[in-house]
Protein backbone atom coordinates (compact mmCIF):
# COMPACT_ATOMS: atom_id res chain seq x y z
CA VAL A 1 0.00 0.00 0.00
CA LEU A 2 2.80 2.44 0.88
CA ALA A 3 4.50 1.89 -2.46
CA ARG A 4 1.30 2.82 -4.31
CA GLN A 5 0.28 5.68 -2.00
CA PRO A 6 3.42 7.21 -0.49
CA ASP A 7 1.56 10.27 0.85
CA ILE A 8 -0.06 8.07 3.51
CA VAL A 9 3.28 8.06 5.36
CA GLY A 10 2.52 11.64 6.43
CA TYR A 11 -0.48 10.30 8.34
CA VAL A 12 1.32 7.80 10.57
CA GLY A 13 -0.16 8.10 14.06
CA ARG A 14 -3.27 9.93 12.79
CA ASP A 15 -6.75 8.62 12.10
CA VAL A 16 -7.75 8.39 8.45
CA ALA A 17 -10.85 7.11 6.68
CA VAL A 18 -10.46 4.09 4.43
CA GLY A 19 -12.77 3.62 1.47
CA LEU A 20 -13.44 0.04 0.38
CA ARG A 21 -15.75 -0.54 -2.58
CA PRO A 22 -17.97 -3.65 -2.40
CA ASP A 23 -16.66 -5.01 -5.73
CA TYR A 24 -13.14 -5.62 -4.40
CA PHE A 25 -13.97 -8.00 -1.54
CA TYR A 26 -13.62 -11.70 -2.18
CA ARG A 27 -13.68 -15.05 -0.42
CA PRO A 28 -9.98 -15.94 0.02
CA ASP A 29 -8.36 -19.18 -0.93
CA GLY A 30 -5.11 -20.68 0.32
CA SER A 31 -3.02 -18.35 -1.85
CA THR A 32 -4.40 -15.11 -0.38
CA PRO A 33 -1.85 -13.26 1.82
CA PRO A 34 -3.04 -13.35 5.46
CA GLU A 35 -2.67 -9.57 5.84
CA CYS A 36 -5.44 -9.14 3.24
CA CYS A 37 -7.93 -11.30 5.18
CA PHE A 38 -10.17 -10.92 8.20
CA ASP A 39 -12.97 -12.81 9.90
CA THR A 40 -16.31 -11.09 10.26
CA GLU A 41 -19.95 -11.70 11.05
CA VAL A 42 -22.59 -11.41 8.33
CA LEU A 43 -25.20 -8.88 9.47
CA LEU A 44 -27.45 -8.84 6.41
CA THR A 45 -27.57 -10.16 2.86
CA GLU A 46 -29.36 -8.68 -0.16
CA VAL A 47 -29.68 -10.91 -3.22
CA LEU A 48 -29.60 -8.89 -6.46
CA GLY A 49 -29.98 -11.46 -9.23
CA THR A 50 -26.58 -13.09 -9.76
CA GLU A 51 -24.90 -11.05 -7.02
CA VAL A 52 -25.43 -10.64 -3.30
CA LEU A 53 -24.60 -7.58 -1.19
CA VAL A 54 -23.30 -8.73 2.18
CA HIS A 55 -23.22 -6.35 5.14
CA LEU A 56 -20.26 -7.30 7.34
CA GLN A 57 -19.53 -6.28 10.91
CA VAL A 58 -16.23 -4.45 11.36
CA GLY A 59 -14.32 -3.06 14.32
CA ALA A 60 -13.62 0.27 12.67
CA GLN A 61 -15.69 3.36 13.30
CA THR A 62 -18.10 4.38 10.55
CA VAL A 63 -17.52 7.81 9.03
CA VAL A 64 -20.75 9.68 8.29
CA SER A 65 -20.00 12.73 6.14
CA GLU A 66 -21.80 15.14 3.85
CA ASP A 67 -21.21 12.59 1.08
CA THR A 68 -23.16 10.04 3.13
CA HIS A 69 -26.14 12.37 3.11
CA LEU A 70 -25.83 12.75 -0.67
CA ALA A 71 -25.35 9.01 -1.31
CA VAL A 72 -28.42 7.70 0.49
CA ASP A 73 -31.95 8.01 -0.83
CA SER A 74 -33.23 10.21 1.99
CA GLU A 75 -32.28 12.22 5.02
CA ASP A 76 -33.77 9.40 7.10
CA GLY A 77 -31.18 7.03 5.61
CA ALA A 78 -28.32 9.37 6.50
CA ASP A 79 -29.76 9.83 9.99
CA ASP A 80 -29.96 6.04 10.36
CA ALA A 81 -26.30 5.73 9.33
CA GLN A 82 -25.32 8.32 11.95
CA ARG A 83 -27.43 6.63 14.65
CA PHE A 84 -25.98 3.20 13.87
CA ALA A 85 -22.44 4.62 14.02
CA ILE A 86 -23.11 6.19 17.42
CA GLN A 87 -24.60 2.94 18.71
CA GLY A 88 -21.51 1.01 17.61
CA TRP A 89 -23.06 -0.76 14.62
CA HIS A 90 -20.15 -0.58 12.23
CA SER A 91 -20.47 -2.40 8.95
CA ILE A 92 -19.11 -2.51 5.44
CA VAL A 93 -20.71 -3.91 2.32
CA ALA A 94 -19.13 -6.56 0.12
CA LYS A 95 -20.43 -7.95 -3.16
CA PHE A 96 -20.13 -11.65 -3.96
CA PRO A 97 -21.54 -13.96 -6.62
CA VAL A 98 -24.82 -15.43 -5.39
CA LYS A 99 -23.23 -18.92 -5.42
CA ASP A 100 -20.85 -17.71 -2.65
CA ALA A 101 -23.60 -16.06 -0.57
CA PRO A 102 -23.13 -16.54 3.17
CA ARG A 103 -26.03 -16.59 5.62
CA ARG A 104 -26.96 -13.94 8.15
CA GLY A 105 -25.20 -14.59 11.48
CA GLU A 106 -22.47 -16.67 9.86
CA THR A 107 -18.82 -15.84 10.54
CA ILE A 108 -16.85 -15.79 7.30
CA ARG A 109 -13.32 -15.02 6.18
CA VAL A 110 -13.07 -12.27 3.58
CA ALA A 111 -10.24 -10.54 1.77
CA PHE A 112 -9.88 -7.21 0.02
CA GLU A 113 -7.83 -6.26 -3.04
CA THR A 114 -5.56 -3.71 -1.37
CA THR A 115 -4.71 -2.06 -4.71
CA HIS A 116 -8.22 -0.58 -4.55
CA MET A 117 -8.03 0.98 -1.07
CA HIS A 118 -8.78 4.71 -0.86
CA PHE A 119 -7.61 6.89 2.03
CA PHE A 120 -9.11 10.18 3.18
CA ASP A 121 -7.98 12.91 5.57
CA LEU A 122 -10.64 13.10 8.29
CA GLU A 123 -10.12 16.83 8.91
CA SER A 124 -10.35 18.03 5.30
CA ALA A 125 -12.25 15.05 3.79
CA ASN A 126 -9.75 15.19 0.91
CA ALA A 127 -8.38 12.04 -0.69
CA ILE A 128 -4.82 11.15 0.27
CA SER A 129 -3.03 10.32 -2.98
């Protein structure tokens, strides 16, 4: 990650936001580096034809920004996101083929393609290149 985004070095010891798009999560196999994997609980699944959106519990704090308010369908949705973050309900969304769909409540191992991580300065909300 540091080789691809050297500016992140200036943020050592500071909190940053990490953006992870659902398309770049996958179910790891034996060749996946362990530092790309984590175990998580499935909170919710949404089947969308041949794909399934899987809401995964994470230990990181959710960032609710102005962009969150713009991205959701309504102010109620943004308010829900803020309320869930305050209550400690932190989740991320992954997208898998429906044949790999886990069940709600199941603990699964997932991995992320680190070449697609995005970092943001929490104070300015600017991307860290």
